Amino acid sequence: MEDSATPTWTVYIDGQPVRIPATIETVRAALVPERRAEFDAEIARTPGLQLAQVLAMWALPPAVWDQIEADFSRLEAGDHSGFHPQEDRFTAPDVA
C-alpha cells in the first residue's frame, strides 16, 4: 500500500532506495520539457501489456541510466566482476 496519495516505485541507486514517479502524469511532469513530446508519442503507441515497463524506463533518473551504461561498458570490456550468470542459479540437480 502506498504511503502517499501519489503512487511511486522504488529503485535502488548505489544500493540506496529511491522513490520514482509511477503515473503517466507524474513521470511526464518530471521530464525536461524537451523530452515530453517524445514521451507522449511513445506512451501513445505502447501496448497496454507493456505500459508499466515503458513508463518505468522513462521514470528512471539519469543516475540509473549512467549506472546501466557503465555496467554494459564493463561487460563489453570483459569485466564480469560483480555479475552472476543466470545458469548458475538454475542448474538442474543431478539425477541418479
N, C-alpha and C. Protein backbone atom coordinates (compact mmCIF):
# COMPACT_ATOMS: atom_id res chain seq x y z
N MET A 1 0.84 -1.18 0.00
CA MET A 1 0.00 0.00 0.00
C MET A 1 0.88 1.24 0.00
N GLU A 2 0.49 2.22 -0.77
CA GLU A 2 1.28 3.45 -0.88
C GLU A 2 1.13 4.29 0.38
N ASP A 3 2.19 4.98 0.76
CA ASP A 3 2.14 5.83 1.94
C ASP A 3 1.90 7.29 1.57
N SER A 4 1.59 7.54 0.29
CA SER A 4 1.25 8.89 -0.13
C SER A 4 0.12 8.80 -1.14
N ALA A 5 -0.45 9.93 -1.49
CA ALA A 5 -1.56 9.96 -2.44
C ALA A 5 -1.08 9.69 -3.87
N THR A 6 0.19 9.93 -4.15
CA THR A 6 0.73 9.74 -5.48
C THR A 6 1.53 8.45 -5.53
N PRO A 7 1.13 7.50 -6.40
CA PRO A 7 1.88 6.23 -6.48
C PRO A 7 3.33 6.44 -6.92
N THR A 8 4.21 5.66 -6.34
CA THR A 8 5.63 5.68 -6.71
C THR A 8 6.15 4.26 -6.78
N TRP A 9 7.29 4.11 -7.44
CA TRP A 9 8.04 2.86 -7.44
C TRP A 9 9.32 3.12 -6.67
N THR A 10 9.94 2.06 -6.16
CA THR A 10 11.24 2.18 -5.51
C THR A 10 12.28 1.49 -6.37
N VAL A 11 13.35 2.23 -6.67
CA VAL A 11 14.50 1.67 -7.38
C VAL A 11 15.70 1.85 -6.47
N TYR A 12 16.76 1.13 -6.77
CA TYR A 12 17.97 1.22 -5.95
C TYR A 12 19.09 1.82 -6.77
N ILE A 13 19.67 2.89 -6.25
CA ILE A 13 20.79 3.56 -6.88
C ILE A 13 21.94 3.50 -5.89
N ASP A 14 23.03 2.87 -6.30
CA ASP A 14 24.17 2.65 -5.41
C ASP A 14 23.74 1.99 -4.11
N GLY A 15 22.80 1.05 -4.21
CA GLY A 15 22.33 0.31 -3.06
C GLY A 15 21.34 1.04 -2.17
N GLN A 16 20.98 2.25 -2.53
CA GLN A 16 20.06 3.04 -1.71
C GLN A 16 18.69 3.14 -2.39
N PRO A 17 17.60 2.96 -1.64
CA PRO A 17 16.27 3.06 -2.25
C PRO A 17 15.94 4.51 -2.63
N VAL A 18 15.40 4.67 -3.83
CA VAL A 18 14.97 5.98 -4.32
C VAL A 18 13.57 5.81 -4.89
N ARG A 19 12.66 6.68 -4.49
CA ARG A 19 11.29 6.61 -5.00
C ARG A 19 11.20 7.42 -6.29
N ILE A 20 10.55 6.81 -7.29
CA ILE A 20 10.37 7.48 -8.58
C ILE A 20 8.88 7.53 -8.90
N PRO A 21 8.46 8.47 -9.75
CA PRO A 21 7.04 8.58 -10.08
C PRO A 21 6.52 7.32 -10.76
N ALA A 22 5.22 7.02 -10.56
CA ALA A 22 4.65 5.80 -11.12
C ALA A 22 3.32 6.04 -11.83
N THR A 23 3.06 7.26 -12.26
CA THR A 23 1.88 7.52 -13.09
C THR A 23 2.34 8.25 -14.34
N ILE A 24 1.55 8.15 -15.38
CA ILE A 24 1.90 8.85 -16.62
C ILE A 24 2.06 10.34 -16.35
N GLU A 25 1.13 10.90 -15.60
CA GLU A 25 1.17 12.34 -15.31
C GLU A 25 2.42 12.75 -14.55
N THR A 26 2.79 11.98 -13.52
CA THR A 26 3.94 12.38 -12.71
C THR A 26 5.28 12.10 -13.40
N VAL A 27 5.33 11.04 -14.20
CA VAL A 27 6.55 10.80 -14.97
C VAL A 27 6.74 11.92 -15.97
N ARG A 28 5.66 12.29 -16.68
CA ARG A 28 5.73 13.37 -17.68
C ARG A 28 6.18 14.68 -17.03
N ALA A 29 5.63 14.98 -15.86
CA ALA A 29 5.96 16.22 -15.17
C ALA A 29 7.43 16.25 -14.74
N ALA A 30 8.01 15.09 -14.47
CA ALA A 30 9.41 15.02 -14.02
C ALA A 30 10.41 15.17 -15.17
N LEU A 31 9.94 15.03 -16.40
CA LEU A 31 10.84 15.12 -17.56
C LEU A 31 11.18 16.57 -17.88
N VAL A 32 12.33 16.76 -18.49
CA VAL A 32 12.65 18.09 -19.00
C VAL A 32 11.68 18.36 -20.16
N PRO A 33 11.25 19.60 -20.33
CA PRO A 33 10.25 19.91 -21.35
C PRO A 33 10.59 19.40 -22.75
N GLU A 34 11.87 19.38 -23.09
CA GLU A 34 12.29 18.95 -24.42
C GLU A 34 12.00 17.47 -24.69
N ARG A 35 11.79 16.66 -23.66
CA ARG A 35 11.56 15.22 -23.83
C ARG A 35 10.09 14.83 -23.75
N ARG A 36 9.21 15.78 -23.39
CA ARG A 36 7.81 15.44 -23.17
C ARG A 36 7.08 14.99 -24.43
N ALA A 37 7.35 15.60 -25.56
CA ALA A 37 6.68 15.19 -26.81
C ALA A 37 7.09 13.77 -27.18
N GLU A 38 8.37 13.44 -27.01
CA GLU A 38 8.86 12.08 -27.28
C GLU A 38 8.19 11.08 -26.35
N PHE A 39 8.08 11.45 -25.07
CA PHE A 39 7.41 10.60 -24.09
C PHE A 39 5.94 10.39 -24.47
N ASP A 40 5.24 11.46 -24.79
CA ASP A 40 3.83 11.36 -25.16
C ASP A 40 3.64 10.42 -26.35
N ALA A 41 4.50 10.55 -27.36
CA ALA A 41 4.39 9.72 -28.55
C ALA A 41 4.64 8.25 -28.21
N GLU A 42 5.64 7.97 -27.40
CA GLU A 42 5.94 6.58 -27.06
C GLU A 42 4.84 5.97 -26.20
N ILE A 43 4.34 6.71 -25.23
CA ILE A 43 3.26 6.20 -24.38
C ILE A 43 2.01 5.94 -25.22
N ALA A 44 1.73 6.82 -26.17
CA ALA A 44 0.54 6.67 -27.00
C ALA A 44 0.57 5.41 -27.87
N ARG A 45 1.75 4.96 -28.27
CA ARG A 45 1.84 3.78 -29.14
C ARG A 45 2.21 2.50 -28.37
N THR A 46 2.36 2.59 -27.07
CA THR A 46 2.74 1.42 -26.27
C THR A 46 1.53 0.54 -26.00
N PRO A 47 1.64 -0.78 -26.31
CA PRO A 47 0.55 -1.70 -25.98
C PRO A 47 0.32 -1.74 -24.47
N GLY A 48 -0.91 -1.93 -24.07
CA GLY A 48 -1.27 -1.92 -22.66
C GLY A 48 -0.44 -2.86 -21.80
N LEU A 49 -0.15 -4.06 -22.31
CA LEU A 49 0.61 -5.02 -21.52
C LEU A 49 2.04 -4.57 -21.26
N GLN A 50 2.55 -3.64 -22.05
CA GLN A 50 3.92 -3.16 -21.87
C GLN A 50 3.98 -1.77 -21.24
N LEU A 51 2.83 -1.22 -20.91
CA LEU A 51 2.79 0.16 -20.43
C LEU A 51 3.60 0.38 -19.15
N ALA A 52 3.48 -0.51 -18.18
CA ALA A 52 4.23 -0.34 -16.93
C ALA A 52 5.73 -0.37 -17.18
N GLN A 53 6.18 -1.27 -18.05
CA GLN A 53 7.61 -1.38 -18.35
C GLN A 53 8.13 -0.09 -19.01
N VAL A 54 7.42 0.40 -20.00
CA VAL A 54 7.84 1.62 -20.70
C VAL A 54 7.79 2.81 -19.76
N LEU A 55 6.74 2.91 -18.97
CA LEU A 55 6.64 4.02 -18.02
C LEU A 55 7.78 3.99 -17.01
N ALA A 56 8.11 2.81 -16.51
CA ALA A 56 9.21 2.69 -15.55
C ALA A 56 10.54 3.11 -16.17
N MET A 57 10.76 2.76 -17.42
CA MET A 57 12.01 3.15 -18.07
C MET A 57 12.11 4.67 -18.19
N TRP A 58 11.00 5.33 -18.51
CA TRP A 58 11.01 6.79 -18.60
C TRP A 58 11.17 7.43 -17.22
N ALA A 59 10.70 6.75 -16.18
CA ALA A 59 10.74 7.32 -14.82
C ALA A 59 12.12 7.24 -14.19
N LEU A 60 12.98 6.36 -14.69
CA LEU A 60 14.30 6.20 -14.08
C LEU A 60 15.11 7.49 -14.17
N PRO A 61 15.73 7.88 -13.07
CA PRO A 61 16.56 9.09 -13.09
C PRO A 61 17.85 8.87 -13.87
N PRO A 62 18.48 9.94 -14.32
CA PRO A 62 19.73 9.83 -15.09
C PRO A 62 20.80 9.00 -14.39
N ALA A 63 20.88 9.03 -13.07
CA ALA A 63 21.89 8.26 -12.35
C ALA A 63 21.75 6.76 -12.61
N VAL A 64 20.53 6.29 -12.75
CA VAL A 64 20.31 4.88 -13.03
C VAL A 64 20.80 4.54 -14.43
N TRP A 65 20.47 5.39 -15.40
CA TRP A 65 20.93 5.15 -16.78
C TRP A 65 22.45 5.23 -16.87
N ASP A 66 23.05 6.12 -16.10
CA ASP A 66 24.52 6.19 -16.07
C ASP A 66 25.10 4.87 -15.56
N GLN A 67 24.49 4.31 -14.51
CA GLN A 67 24.97 3.04 -13.96
C GLN A 67 24.76 1.90 -14.95
N ILE A 68 23.61 1.87 -15.63
CA ILE A 68 23.34 0.83 -16.62
C ILE A 68 24.38 0.90 -17.73
N GLU A 69 24.65 2.10 -18.23
CA GLU A 69 25.65 2.26 -19.29
C GLU A 69 27.04 1.83 -18.81
N ALA A 70 27.39 2.18 -17.58
CA ALA A 70 28.69 1.79 -17.03
C ALA A 70 28.78 0.27 -16.91
N ASP A 71 27.68 -0.36 -16.47
CA ASP A 71 27.67 -1.83 -16.34
C ASP A 71 27.85 -2.49 -17.70
N PHE A 72 27.14 -2.00 -18.71
CA PHE A 72 27.28 -2.58 -20.04
C PHE A 72 28.69 -2.37 -20.59
N SER A 73 29.25 -1.22 -20.34
CA SER A 73 30.62 -0.96 -20.81
C SER A 73 31.61 -1.92 -20.17
N ARG A 74 31.44 -2.16 -18.87
CA ARG A 74 32.32 -3.11 -18.18
C ARG A 74 32.17 -4.51 -18.76
N LEU A 75 30.90 -4.93 -19.01
CA LEU A 75 30.68 -6.26 -19.56
C LEU A 75 31.27 -6.39 -20.96
N GLU A 76 31.08 -5.36 -21.78
CA GLU A 76 31.63 -5.38 -23.14
C GLU A 76 33.16 -5.44 -23.12
N ALA A 77 33.76 -4.85 -22.10
CA ALA A 77 35.22 -4.87 -21.97
C ALA A 77 35.73 -6.18 -21.38
N GLY A 78 34.81 -7.08 -21.01
CA GLY A 78 35.20 -8.38 -20.46
C GLY A 78 35.28 -8.44 -18.95
N ASP A 79 34.92 -7.36 -18.28
CA ASP A 79 34.94 -7.34 -16.81
C ASP A 79 33.58 -7.81 -16.30
N HIS A 80 33.52 -9.04 -15.83
CA HIS A 80 32.28 -9.62 -15.34
C HIS A 80 32.21 -9.65 -13.81
N SER A 81 33.12 -8.94 -13.16
CA SER A 81 33.12 -8.94 -11.70
C SER A 81 31.83 -8.33 -11.18
N GLY A 82 31.28 -8.96 -10.17
CA GLY A 82 30.05 -8.48 -9.57
C GLY A 82 28.79 -8.96 -10.28
N PHE A 83 28.95 -9.64 -11.40
CA PHE A 83 27.80 -10.18 -12.12
C PHE A 83 27.73 -11.68 -11.91
N HIS A 84 26.54 -12.21 -11.89
CA HIS A 84 26.34 -13.64 -11.66
C HIS A 84 25.51 -14.21 -12.80
N PRO A 85 26.05 -15.16 -13.54
CA PRO A 85 25.31 -15.75 -14.65
C PRO A 85 24.05 -16.46 -14.17
N GLN A 86 22.96 -16.31 -14.89
CA GLN A 86 21.70 -16.93 -14.52
C GLN A 86 21.79 -18.45 -14.48
N GLU A 87 22.55 -19.05 -15.39
CA GLU A 87 22.59 -20.51 -15.44
C GLU A 87 23.15 -21.11 -14.16
N ASP A 88 23.98 -20.40 -13.42
CA ASP A 88 24.50 -20.89 -12.14
C ASP A 88 23.39 -20.99 -11.10
N ARG A 89 22.38 -20.17 -11.22
CA ARG A 89 21.30 -20.14 -10.24
C ARG A 89 20.24 -21.20 -10.53
N PHE A 90 20.19 -21.67 -11.76
CA PHE A 90 19.10 -22.57 -12.15
C PHE A 90 19.62 -23.90 -12.69
N THR A 91 20.67 -24.40 -12.11
CA THR A 91 21.26 -25.67 -12.53
C THR A 91 20.36 -26.81 -12.06
N ALA A 92 20.01 -27.69 -12.98
CA ALA A 92 19.18 -28.82 -12.62
C ALA A 92 19.95 -29.77 -11.72
N PRO A 93 19.30 -30.36 -10.75
CA PRO A 93 20.00 -31.31 -9.86
C PRO A 93 20.37 -32.58 -10.63
N ASP A 94 21.45 -33.22 -10.19
CA ASP A 94 21.86 -34.49 -10.79
C ASP A 94 20.81 -35.53 -10.45
N VAL A 95 20.46 -36.32 -11.43
CA VAL A 95 19.50 -37.39 -11.21
C VAL A 95 20.24 -38.72 -11.29
N ALA A 96 20.13 -39.52 -10.23
CA ALA A 96 20.86 -40.80 -10.19
C ALA A 96 20.03 -41.90 -10.79
